[in-house]
Amino acid sequence: MKKALLIGLLLLMATTVAFAQGTGQAKTTFGQYGGVITAGFALGIAAAACGIAQGKAVSSACEGVARNPGAAKTIQLFMILGLAFIESLVLYVLLIAFQALKM
């Protein structure tokens, strides 16, 4: 298993050299739209991860309140704080995508 993983990583590193663009060459189709495609995938992955994490956070908060109703206010405070941190992931990816597309 380790040998196959090592060979796979070596082949992956070798492809970066194979697809390197020399100076003075015209851009390919992916070169023109690669940033847009990459930004779309990055935002999609970040949004999916954010949705899963927020679902788990709310589920855990509901379980915590069900077990200890007296701590509902504290659990709610920390849940909202956690949701804000989770949501910031998508906002950071959005800002990075805009910066990448501006270049």
PDB file of N, CA and C in Angstrom:
ATOM      1  N   MET A   1       0.833  -1.198   0.000  1.00  0.00           N
ATOM      2  CA  MET A   1       0.000   0.000   0.000  1.00  0.00           C
ATOM      3  C   MET A   1       0.873   1.255   0.000  1.00  0.00           C
ATOM      4  N   LYS A   2       1.913   1.246   0.850  1.00  0.00           N
ATOM      5  CA  LYS A   2       2.785   2.422   0.912  1.00  0.00           C
ATOM      6  C   LYS A   2       3.554   2.605  -0.388  1.00  0.00           C
ATOM      7  N   LYS A   3       3.938   1.483  -0.997  1.00  0.00           N
ATOM      8  CA  LYS A   3       4.684   1.559  -2.250  1.00  0.00           C
ATOM      9  C   LYS A   3       3.812   2.155  -3.354  1.00  0.00           C
ATOM     10  N   ALA A   4       2.558   1.743  -3.420  1.00  0.00           N
ATOM     11  CA  ALA A   4       1.645   2.270  -4.433  1.00  0.00           C
ATOM     12  C   ALA A   4       1.386   3.753  -4.208  1.00  0.00           C
ATOM     13  N   LEU A   5       1.258   4.158  -2.950  1.00  0.00           N
ATOM     14  CA  LEU A   5       1.054   5.572  -2.639  1.00  0.00           C
ATOM     15  C   LEU A   5       2.268   6.398  -3.036  1.00  0.00           C
ATOM     16  N   LEU A   6       3.461   5.893  -2.761  1.00  0.00           N
ATOM     17  CA  LEU A   6       4.687   6.599  -3.113  1.00  0.00           C
ATOM     18  C   LEU A   6       4.829   6.717  -4.623  1.00  0.00           C
ATOM     19  N   ILE A   7       4.539   5.646  -5.348  1.00  0.00           N
ATOM     20  CA  ILE A   7       4.619   5.695  -6.811  1.00  0.00           C
ATOM     21  C   ILE A   7       3.592   6.684  -7.362  1.00  0.00           C
ATOM     22  N   GLY A   8       2.392   6.681  -6.794  1.00  0.00           N
ATOM     23  CA  GLY A   8       1.370   7.626  -7.231  1.00  0.00           C
ATOM     24  C   GLY A   8       1.781   9.069  -7.004  1.00  0.00           C
ATOM     25  N   LEU A   9       2.372   9.349  -5.861  1.00  0.00           N
ATOM     26  CA  LEU A   9       2.830  10.716  -5.579  1.00  0.00           C
ATOM     27  C   LEU A   9       3.966  11.133  -6.505  1.00  0.00           C
ATOM     28  N   LEU A  10       4.881  10.216  -6.789  1.00  0.00           N
ATOM     29  CA  LEU A  10       5.965  10.527  -7.718  1.00  0.00           C
ATOM     30  C   LEU A  10       5.438  10.807  -9.121  1.00  0.00           C
ATOM     31  N   LEU A  11       4.462  10.019  -9.571  1.00  0.00           N
ATOM     32  CA  LEU A  11       3.864  10.276 -10.880  1.00  0.00           C
ATOM     33  C   LEU A  11       3.116  11.601 -10.899  1.00  0.00           C
ATOM     34  N   LEU A  12       2.468  11.937  -9.807  1.00  0.00           N
ATOM     35  CA  LEU A  12       1.757  13.210  -9.728  1.00  0.00           C
ATOM     36  C   LEU A  12       2.728  14.382  -9.811  1.00  0.00           C
ATOM     37  N   MET A  13       3.873  14.254  -9.141  1.00  0.00           N
ATOM     38  CA  MET A  13       4.871  15.325  -9.211  1.00  0.00           C
ATOM     39  C   MET A  13       5.493  15.406 -10.606  1.00  0.00           C
ATOM     40  N   ALA A  14       5.611  14.298 -11.293  1.00  0.00           N
ATOM     41  CA  ALA A  14       6.190  14.300 -12.636  1.00  0.00           C
ATOM     42  C   ALA A  14       5.277  14.993 -13.635  1.00  0.00           C
ATOM     43  N   THR A  15       3.975  14.971 -13.424  1.00  0.00           N
ATOM     44  CA  THR A  15       3.061  15.595 -14.376  1.00  0.00           C
ATOM     45  C   THR A  15       3.169  17.111 -14.362  1.00  0.00           C
ATOM     46  N   THR A  16       3.584  17.697 -13.254  1.00  0.00           N
ATOM     47  CA  THR A  16       3.725  19.159 -13.230  1.00  0.00           C
ATOM     48  C   THR A  16       4.814  19.609 -14.172  1.00  0.00           C
ATOM     49  N   VAL A  17       5.866  18.818 -14.308  1.00  0.00           N
ATOM     50  CA  VAL A  17       6.931  19.152 -15.248  1.00  0.00           C
ATOM     51  C   VAL A  17       6.453  18.945 -16.675  1.00  0.00           C
ATOM     52  N   ALA A  18       5.682  17.905 -16.906  1.00  0.00           N
ATOM     53  CA  ALA A  18       5.211  17.604 -18.255  1.00  0.00           C
ATOM     54  C   ALA A  18       4.262  18.681 -18.776  1.00  0.00           C
ATOM     55  N   PHE A  19       3.476  19.273 -17.899  1.00  0.00           N
ATOM     56  CA  PHE A  19       2.511  20.274 -18.331  1.00  0.00           C
ATOM     57  C   PHE A  19       2.991  21.709 -18.115  1.00  0.00           C
ATOM     58  N   ALA A  20       4.247  21.889 -17.795  1.00  0.00           N
ATOM     59  CA  ALA A  20       4.780  23.234 -17.585  1.00  0.00           C
ATOM     60  C   ALA A  20       4.767  23.996 -18.908  1.00  0.00           C
ATOM     61  N   GLN A  21       4.417  25.258 -18.840  1.00  0.00           N
ATOM     62  CA  GLN A  21       4.305  26.064 -20.047  1.00  0.00           C
ATOM     63  C   GLN A  21       5.585  26.873 -20.214  1.00  0.00           C
ATOM     64  N   GLY A  22       6.162  26.799 -21.381  1.00  0.00           N
ATOM     65  CA  GLY A  22       7.362  27.571 -21.668  1.00  0.00           C
ATOM     66  C   GLY A  22       7.006  29.011 -21.982  1.00  0.00           C
ATOM     67  N   THR A  23       8.017  29.851 -22.064  1.00  0.00           N
ATOM     68  CA  THR A  23       7.773  31.262 -22.363  1.00  0.00           C
ATOM     69  C   THR A  23       7.468  31.428 -23.846  1.00  0.00           C
ATOM     70  N   GLY A  24       6.612  32.353 -24.150  1.00  0.00           N
ATOM     71  CA  GLY A  24       6.290  32.671 -25.520  1.00  0.00           C
ATOM     72  C   GLY A  24       5.254  31.767 -26.160  1.00  0.00           C
ATOM     73  N   GLN A  25       4.705  30.821 -25.430  1.00  0.00           N
ATOM     74  CA  GLN A  25       3.698  29.949 -26.011  1.00  0.00           C
ATOM     75  C   GLN A  25       2.316  30.550 -25.791  1.00  0.00           C
ATOM     76  N   ALA A  26       1.428  30.252 -26.724  1.00  0.00           N
ATOM     77  CA  ALA A  26       0.053  30.725 -26.585  1.00  0.00           C
ATOM     78  C   ALA A  26      -0.643  29.950 -25.473  1.00  0.00           C
ATOM     79  N   LYS A  27      -1.567  30.604 -24.810  1.00  0.00           N
ATOM     80  CA  LYS A  27      -2.313  29.939 -23.741  1.00  0.00           C
ATOM     81  C   LYS A  27      -3.285  28.932 -24.327  1.00  0.00           C
ATOM     82  N   THR A  28      -3.437  27.832 -23.616  1.00  0.00           N
ATOM     83  CA  THR A  28      -4.418  26.832 -24.038  1.00  0.00           C
ATOM     84  C   THR A  28      -5.787  27.241 -23.509  1.00  0.00           C
ATOM     85  N   THR A  29      -6.788  26.462 -23.840  1.00  0.00           N
ATOM     86  CA  THR A  29      -8.138  26.758 -23.361  1.00  0.00           C
ATOM     87  C   THR A  29      -8.198  26.708 -21.849  1.00  0.00           C
ATOM     88  N   PHE A  30      -7.518  25.695 -21.244  1.00  0.00           N
ATOM     89  CA  PHE A  30      -7.523  25.637 -19.785  1.00  0.00           C
ATOM     90  C   PHE A  30      -6.758  26.799 -19.189  1.00  0.00           C
ATOM     91  N   GLY A  31      -5.724  27.266 -19.879  1.00  0.00           N
ATOM     92  CA  GLY A  31      -4.954  28.410 -19.392  1.00  0.00           C
ATOM     93  C   GLY A  31      -5.791  29.671 -19.328  1.00  0.00           C
ATOM     94  N   GLN A  32      -6.718  29.823 -20.282  1.00  0.00           N
ATOM     95  CA  GLN A  32      -7.565  31.008 -20.290  1.00  0.00           C
ATOM     96  C   GLN A  32      -8.651  30.938 -19.233  1.00  0.00           C
ATOM     97  N   TYR A  33      -9.217  29.748 -19.047  1.00  0.00           N
ATOM     98  CA  TYR A  33     -10.357  29.602 -18.148  1.00  0.00           C
ATOM     99  C   TYR A  33     -10.038  28.751 -16.924  1.00  0.00           C
ATOM    100  N   GLY A  34      -8.782  28.433 -16.718  1.00  0.00           N
ATOM    101  CA  GLY A  34      -8.395  27.587 -15.591  1.00  0.00           C
ATOM    102  C   GLY A  34      -8.725  28.206 -14.247  1.00  0.00           C
ATOM    103  N   GLY A  35      -8.569  29.513 -14.132  1.00  0.00           N
ATOM    104  CA  GLY A  35      -8.877  30.186 -12.871  1.00  0.00           C
ATOM    105  C   GLY A  35     -10.350  30.135 -12.540  1.00  0.00           C
ATOM    106  N   VAL A  36     -11.180  30.278 -13.552  1.00  0.00           N
ATOM    107  CA  VAL A  36     -12.624  30.233 -13.344  1.00  0.00           C
ATOM    108  C   VAL A  36     -13.059  28.829 -12.915  1.00  0.00           C
ATOM    109  N   ILE A  37     -12.497  27.818 -13.583  1.00  0.00           N
ATOM    110  CA  ILE A  37     -12.838  26.437 -13.242  1.00  0.00           C
ATOM    111  C   ILE A  37     -12.370  26.104 -11.833  1.00  0.00           C
ATOM    112  N   THR A  38     -11.145  26.498 -11.519  1.00  0.00           N
ATOM    113  CA  THR A  38     -10.593  26.227 -10.193  1.00  0.00           C
ATOM    114  C   THR A  38     -11.389  26.946  -9.109  1.00  0.00           C
ATOM    115  N   ALA A  39     -11.752  28.195  -9.350  1.00  0.00           N
ATOM    116  CA  ALA A  39     -12.537  28.947  -8.371  1.00  0.00           C
ATOM    117  C   ALA A  39     -13.900  28.294  -8.149  1.00  0.00           C
ATOM    118  N   GLY A  40     -14.504  27.809  -9.220  1.00  0.00           N
ATOM    119  CA  GLY A  40     -15.797  27.140  -9.086  1.00  0.00           C
ATOM    120  C   GLY A  40     -15.699  25.873  -8.255  1.00  0.00           C
ATOM    121  N   PHE A  41     -14.677  25.049  -8.516  1.00  0.00           N
ATOM    122  CA  PHE A  41     -14.497  23.832  -7.732  1.00  0.00           C
ATOM    123  C   PHE A  41     -14.185  24.160  -6.275  1.00  0.00           C
ATOM    124  N   ALA A  42     -13.342  25.155  -6.046  1.00  0.00           N
ATOM    125  CA  ALA A  42     -12.983  25.520  -4.674  1.00  0.00           C
ATOM    126  C   ALA A  42     -14.200  25.993  -3.892  1.00  0.00           C
ATOM    127  N   LEU A  43     -15.027  26.816  -4.513  1.00  0.00           N
ATOM    128  CA  LEU A  43     -16.232  27.295  -3.831  1.00  0.00           C
ATOM    129  C   LEU A  43     -17.223  26.162  -3.584  1.00  0.00           C
ATOM    130  N   GLY A  44     -17.338  25.247  -4.539  1.00  0.00           N
ATOM    131  CA  GLY A  44     -18.235  24.113  -4.356  1.00  0.00           C
ATOM    132  C   GLY A  44     -17.801  23.208  -3.210  1.00  0.00           C
ATOM    133  N   ILE A  45     -16.510  22.924  -3.142  1.00  0.00           N
ATOM    134  CA  ILE A  45     -15.990  22.080  -2.065  1.00  0.00           C
ATOM    135  C   ILE A  45     -16.130  22.782  -0.717  1.00  0.00           C
ATOM    136  N   ALA A  46     -15.812  24.076  -0.678  1.00  0.00           N
ATOM    137  CA  ALA A  46     -15.921  24.821   0.581  1.00  0.00           C
ATOM    138  C   ALA A  46     -17.371  24.904   1.050  1.00  0.00           C
ATOM    139  N   ALA A  47     -18.301  25.120   0.117  1.00  0.00           N
ATOM    140  CA  ALA A  47     -19.716  25.198   0.495  1.00  0.00           C
ATOM    141  C   ALA A  47     -20.227  23.852   0.993  1.00  0.00           C
ATOM    142  N   ALA A  48     -19.799  22.762   0.351  1.00  0.00           N
ATOM    143  CA  ALA A  48     -20.222  21.433   0.800  1.00  0.00           C
ATOM    144  C   ALA A  48     -19.676  21.123   2.188  1.00  0.00           C
ATOM    145  N   ALA A  49     -18.400  21.425   2.401  1.00  0.00           N
ATOM    146  CA  ALA A  49     -17.801  21.186   3.716  1.00  0.00           C
ATOM    147  C   ALA A  49     -18.457  22.051   4.785  1.00  0.00           C
ATOM    148  N   CYS A  50     -18.790  23.280   4.414  1.00  0.00           N
ATOM    149  CA  CYS A  50     -19.456  24.183   5.351  1.00  0.00           C
ATOM    150  C   CYS A  50     -20.834  23.657   5.722  1.00  0.00           C
ATOM    151  N   GLY A  51     -21.589  23.173   4.745  1.00  0.00           N
ATOM    152  CA  GLY A  51     -22.916  22.649   5.016  1.00  0.00           C
ATOM    153  C   GLY A  51     -22.880  21.424   5.914  1.00  0.00           C
ATOM    154  N   ILE A  52     -21.925  20.532   5.659  1.00  0.00           N
ATOM    155  CA  ILE A  52     -21.796  19.339   6.502  1.00  0.00           C
ATOM    156  C   ILE A  52     -21.412  19.721   7.927  1.00  0.00           C
ATOM    157  N   ALA A  53     -20.443  20.620   8.051  1.00  0.00           N
ATOM    158  CA  ALA A  53     -19.987  21.029   9.387  1.00  0.00           C
ATOM    159  C   ALA A  53     -21.085  21.754  10.161  1.00  0.00           C
ATOM    160  N   GLN A  54     -21.847  22.605   9.487  1.00  0.00           N
ATOM    161  CA  GLN A  54     -22.922  23.305  10.174  1.00  0.00           C
ATOM    162  C   GLN A  54     -24.021  22.341  10.599  1.00  0.00           C
ATOM    163  N   GLY A  55     -24.317  21.361   9.775  1.00  0.00           N
ATOM    164  CA  GLY A  55     -25.312  20.359  10.148  1.00  0.00           C
ATOM    165  C   GLY A  55     -24.896  19.580  11.378  1.00  0.00           C
ATOM    166  N   LYS A  56     -23.623  19.183  11.432  1.00  0.00           N
ATOM    167  CA  LYS A  56     -23.129  18.446  12.592  1.00  0.00           C
ATOM    168  C   LYS A  56     -23.124  19.330  13.843  1.00  0.00           C
ATOM    169  N   ALA A  57     -22.784  20.605  13.679  1.00  0.00           N
ATOM    170  CA  ALA A  57     -22.745  21.510  14.830  1.00  0.00           C
ATOM    171  C   ALA A  57     -24.143  21.713  15.411  1.00  0.00           C
ATOM    172  N   VAL A  58     -25.118  21.936  14.564  1.00  0.00           N
ATOM    173  CA  VAL A  58     -26.492  22.137  15.042  1.00  0.00           C
ATOM    174  C   VAL A  58     -27.031  20.854  15.663  1.00  0.00           C
ATOM    175  N   SER A  59     -26.722  19.715  15.057  1.00  0.00           N
ATOM    176  CA  SER A  59     -27.167  18.435  15.601  1.00  0.00           C
ATOM    177  C   SER A  59     -26.580  18.202  16.999  1.00  0.00           C
ATOM    178  N   SER A  60     -25.297  18.488  17.153  1.00  0.00           N
ATOM    179  CA  SER A  60     -24.658  18.316  18.459  1.00  0.00           C
ATOM    180  C   SER A  60     -25.217  19.288  19.485  1.00  0.00           C
ATOM    181  N   ALA A  61     -25.515  20.511  19.049  1.00  0.00           N
ATOM    182  CA  ALA A  61     -26.093  21.481  19.975  1.00  0.00           C
ATOM    183  C   ALA A  61     -27.481  21.043  20.431  1.00  0.00           C
ATOM    184  N   CYS A  62     -28.265  20.514  19.510  1.00  0.00           N
ATOM    185  CA  CYS A  62     -29.594  20.026  19.889  1.00  0.00           C
ATOM    186  C   CYS A  62     -29.503  18.855  20.860  1.00  0.00           C
ATOM    187  N   GLU A  63     -28.560  17.965  20.644  1.00  0.00           N
ATOM    188  CA  GLU A  63     -28.371  16.849  21.565  1.00  0.00           C
ATOM    189  C   GLU A  63     -27.923  17.351  22.936  1.00  0.00           C
ATOM    190  N   GLY A  64     -27.054  18.353  22.943  1.00  0.00           N
ATOM    191  CA  GLY A  64     -26.589  18.914  24.212  1.00  0.00           C
ATOM    192  C   GLY A  64     -27.713  19.571  24.991  1.00  0.00           C
ATOM    193  N   VAL A  65     -28.587  20.290  24.301  1.00  0.00           N
ATOM    194  CA  VAL A  65     -29.714  20.934  24.973  1.00  0.00           C
ATOM    195  C   VAL A  65     -30.700  19.876  25.474  1.00  0.00           C
ATOM    196  N   ALA A  66     -30.868  18.800  24.709  1.00  0.00           N
ATOM    197  CA  ALA A  66     -31.779  17.744  25.143  1.00  0.00           C
ATOM    198  C   ALA A  66     -31.261  17.047  26.400  1.00  0.00           C
ATOM    199  N   ARG A  67     -29.949  16.927  26.512  1.00  0.00           N
ATOM    200  CA  ARG A  67     -29.371  16.275  27.689  1.00  0.00           C
ATOM    201  C   ARG A  67     -29.338  17.193  28.911  1.00  0.00           C
ATOM    202  N   ASN A  68     -29.116  18.488  28.663  1.00  0.00           N
ATOM    203  CA  ASN A  68     -28.997  19.434  29.770  1.00  0.00           C
ATOM    204  C   ASN A  68     -29.730  20.723  29.400  1.00  0.00           C
ATOM    205  N   PRO A  69     -31.034  20.796  29.626  1.00  0.00           N
ATOM    206  CA  PRO A  69     -31.797  21.993  29.243  1.00  0.00           C
ATOM    207  C   PRO A  69     -31.361  23.255  29.982  1.00  0.00           C
ATOM    208  N   GLY A  70     -30.754  23.112  31.131  1.00  0.00           N
ATOM    209  CA  GLY A  70     -30.323  24.291  31.887  1.00  0.00           C
ATOM    210  C   GLY A  70     -29.163  25.026  31.228  1.00  0.00           C
ATOM    211  N   ALA A  71     -28.416  24.353  30.377  1.00  0.00           N
ATOM    212  CA  ALA A  71     -27.271  24.975  29.713  1.00  0.00           C
ATOM    213  C   ALA A  71     -27.608  25.423  28.297  1.00  0.00           C
ATOM    214  N   ALA A  72     -28.886  25.596  28.005  1.00  0.00           N
ATOM    215  CA  ALA A  72     -29.306  25.927  26.638  1.00  0.00           C
ATOM    216  C   ALA A  72     -28.728  27.252  26.164  1.00  0.00           C
ATOM    217  N   LYS A  73     -28.708  28.261  27.032  1.00  0.00           N
ATOM    218  CA  LYS A  73     -28.193  29.579  26.627  1.00  0.00           C
ATOM    219  C   LYS A  73     -26.703  29.505  26.291  1.00  0.00           C
ATOM    220  N   THR A  74     -25.933  28.800  27.098  1.00  0.00           N
ATOM    221  CA  THR A  74     -24.495  28.671  26.854  1.00  0.00           C
ATOM    222  C   THR A  74     -24.233  27.880  25.581  1.00  0.00           C
ATOM    223  N   ILE A  75     -24.972  26.792  25.399  1.00  0.00           N
ATOM    224  CA  ILE A  75     -24.798  25.974  24.198  1.00  0.00           C
ATOM    225  C   ILE A  75     -25.172  26.777  22.962  1.00  0.00           C
ATOM    226  N   GLN A  76     -26.231  27.562  23.054  1.00  0.00           N
ATOM    227  CA  GLN A  76     -26.651  28.384  21.921  1.00  0.00           C
ATOM    228  C   GLN A  76     -25.583  29.422  21.578  1.00  0.00           C
ATOM    229  N   LEU A  77     -24.981  30.027  22.581  1.00  0.00           N
ATOM    230  CA  LEU A  77     -23.936  31.017  22.349  1.00  0.00           C
ATOM    231  C   LEU A  77     -22.751  30.398  21.613  1.00  0.00           C
ATOM    232  N   PHE A  78     -22.285  29.257  22.106  1.00  0.00           N
ATOM    233  CA  PHE A  78     -21.139  28.615  21.477  1.00  0.00           C
ATOM    234  C   PHE A  78     -21.486  28.046  20.102  1.00  0.00           C
ATOM    235  N   MET A  79     -22.732  27.624  19.904  1.00  0.00           N
ATOM    236  CA  MET A  79     -23.133  27.140  18.591  1.00  0.00           C
ATOM    237  C   MET A  79     -23.109  28.267  17.573  1.00  0.00           C
ATOM    238  N   ILE A  80     -23.638  29.423  17.931  1.00  0.00           N
ATOM    239  CA  ILE A  80     -23.647  30.560  17.010  1.00  0.00           C
ATOM    240  C   ILE A  80     -22.225  31.020  16.712  1.00  0.00           C
ATOM    241  N   LEU A  81     -21.368  31.032  17.712  1.00  0.00           N
ATOM    242  CA  LEU A  81     -19.972  31.392  17.498  1.00  0.00           C
ATOM    243  C   LEU A  81     -19.292  30.391  16.568  1.00  0.00           C
ATOM    244  N   GLY A  82     -19.540  29.106  16.786  1.00  0.00           N
ATOM    245  CA  GLY A  82     -18.974  28.075  15.920  1.00  0.00           C
ATOM    246  C   GLY A  82     -19.492  28.164  14.499  1.00  0.00           C
ATOM    247  N   LEU A  83     -20.780  28.443  14.341  1.00  0.00           N
ATOM    248  CA  LEU A  83     -21.346  28.589  12.996  1.00  0.00           C
ATOM    249  C   LEU A  83     -20.730  29.771  12.252  1.00  0.00           C
ATOM    250  N   ALA A  84     -20.427  30.844  12.972  1.00  0.00           N
ATOM    251  CA  ALA A  84     -19.778  31.992  12.339  1.00  0.00           C
ATOM    252  C   ALA A  84     -18.380  31.624  11.850  1.00  0.00           C
ATOM    253  N   PHE A  85     -17.644  30.854  12.653  1.00  0.00           N
ATOM    254  CA  PHE A  85     -16.308  30.421  12.231  1.00  0.00           C
ATOM    255  C   PHE A  85     -16.382  29.473  11.042  1.00  0.00           C
ATOM    256  N   ILE A  86     -17.370  28.585  11.049  1.00  0.00           N
ATOM    257  CA  ILE A  86     -17.522  27.650   9.940  1.00  0.00           C
ATOM    258  C   ILE A  86     -17.878  28.407   8.659  1.00  0.00           C
ATOM    259  N   GLU A  87     -18.764  29.374   8.767  1.00  0.00           N
ATOM    260  CA  GLU A  87     -19.189  30.137   7.593  1.00  0.00           C
ATOM    261  C   GLU A  87     -18.050  30.993   7.046  1.00  0.00           C
ATOM    262  N   SER A  88     -17.120  31.390   7.902  1.00  0.00           N
ATOM    263  CA  SER A  88     -15.994  32.200   7.435  1.00  0.00           C
ATOM    264  C   SER A  88     -15.132  31.432   6.446  1.00  0.00           C
ATOM    265  N   LEU A  89     -15.147  30.102   6.484  1.00  0.00           N
ATOM    266  CA  LEU A  89     -14.392  29.303   5.523  1.00  0.00           C
ATOM    267  C   LEU A  89     -14.829  29.630   4.100  1.00  0.00           C
ATOM    268  N   VAL A  90     -16.117  29.658   3.856  1.00  0.00           N
ATOM    269  CA  VAL A  90     -16.618  29.936   2.511  1.00  0.00           C
ATOM    270  C   VAL A  90     -16.293  31.370   2.109  1.00  0.00           C
ATOM    271  N   LEU A  91     -16.382  32.293   3.041  1.00  0.00           N
ATOM    272  CA  LEU A  91     -16.067  33.683   2.715  1.00  0.00           C
ATOM    273  C   LEU A  91     -14.594  33.856   2.364  1.00  0.00           C
ATOM    274  N   TYR A  92     -13.713  33.157   3.072  1.00  0.00           N
ATOM    275  CA  TYR A  92     -12.287  33.224   2.750  1.00  0.00           C
ATOM    276  C   TYR A  92     -12.010  32.627   1.379  1.00  0.00           C
ATOM    277  N   VAL A  93     -12.642  31.511   1.068  1.00  0.00           N
ATOM    278  CA  VAL A  93     -12.459  30.904  -0.255  1.00  0.00           C
ATOM    279  C   VAL A  93     -12.988  31.836  -1.338  1.00  0.00           C
ATOM    280  N   LEU A  94     -14.091  32.509  -1.076  1.00  0.00           N
ATOM    281  CA  LEU A  94     -14.645  33.453  -2.045  1.00  0.00           C
ATOM    282  C   LEU A  94     -13.674  34.605  -2.291  1.00  0.00           C
ATOM    283  N   LEU A  95     -13.086  35.140  -1.233  1.00  0.00           N
ATOM    284  CA  LEU A  95     -12.113  36.224  -1.399  1.00  0.00           C
ATOM    285  C   LEU A  95     -10.882  35.753  -2.164  1.00  0.00           C
ATOM    286  N   ILE A  96     -10.407  34.557  -1.858  1.00  0.00           N
ATOM    287  CA  ILE A  96      -9.238  34.024  -2.564  1.00  0.00           C
ATOM    288  C   ILE A  96      -9.574  33.783  -4.037  1.00  0.00           C
ATOM    289  N   ALA A  97     -10.782  33.319  -4.309  1.00  0.00           N
ATOM    290  CA  ALA A  97     -11.193  33.099  -5.703  1.00  0.00           C
ATOM    291  C   ALA A  97     -11.252  34.414  -6.457  1.00  0.00           C
ATOM    292  N   PHE A  98     -11.769  35.458  -5.837  1.00  0.00           N
ATOM    293  CA  PHE A  98     -11.795  36.757  -6.506  1.00  0.00           C
ATOM    294  C   PHE A  98     -10.389  37.271  -6.773  1.00  0.00           C
ATOM    295  N   GLN A  99      -9.487  37.078  -5.812  1.00  0.00           N
ATOM    296  CA  GLN A  99      -8.105  37.507  -6.007  1.00  0.00           C
ATOM    297  C   GLN A  99      -7.445  36.714  -7.129  1.00  0.00           C
ATOM    298  N   ALA A 100      -7.718  35.427  -7.196  1.00  0.00           N
ATOM    299  CA  ALA A 100      -7.125  34.584  -8.242  1.00  0.00           C
ATOM    300  C   ALA A 100      -7.656  34.980  -9.620  1.00  0.00           C
ATOM    301  N   LEU A 101      -8.928  35.338  -9.707  1.00  0.00           N
ATOM    302  CA  LEU A 101      -9.505  35.710 -10.994  1.00  0.00           C
ATOM    303  C   LEU A 101      -9.056  37.099 -11.439  1.00  0.00           C
ATOM    304  N   LYS A 102      -8.696  37.950 -10.484  1.00  0.00           N
ATOM    305  CA  LYS A 102      -8.254  39.298 -10.826  1.00  0.00           C
ATOM    306  C   LYS A 102      -6.877  39.271 -11.490  1.00  0.00           C
ATOM    307  N   MET A 103      -6.062  38.266 -11.164  1.00  0.00           N
ATOM    308  CA  MET A 103      -4.696  38.200 -11.688  1.00  0.00           C
ATOM    309  C   MET A 103      -4.650  37.810 -13.121  1.00  0.00           C
TER     310      MET A 103
END
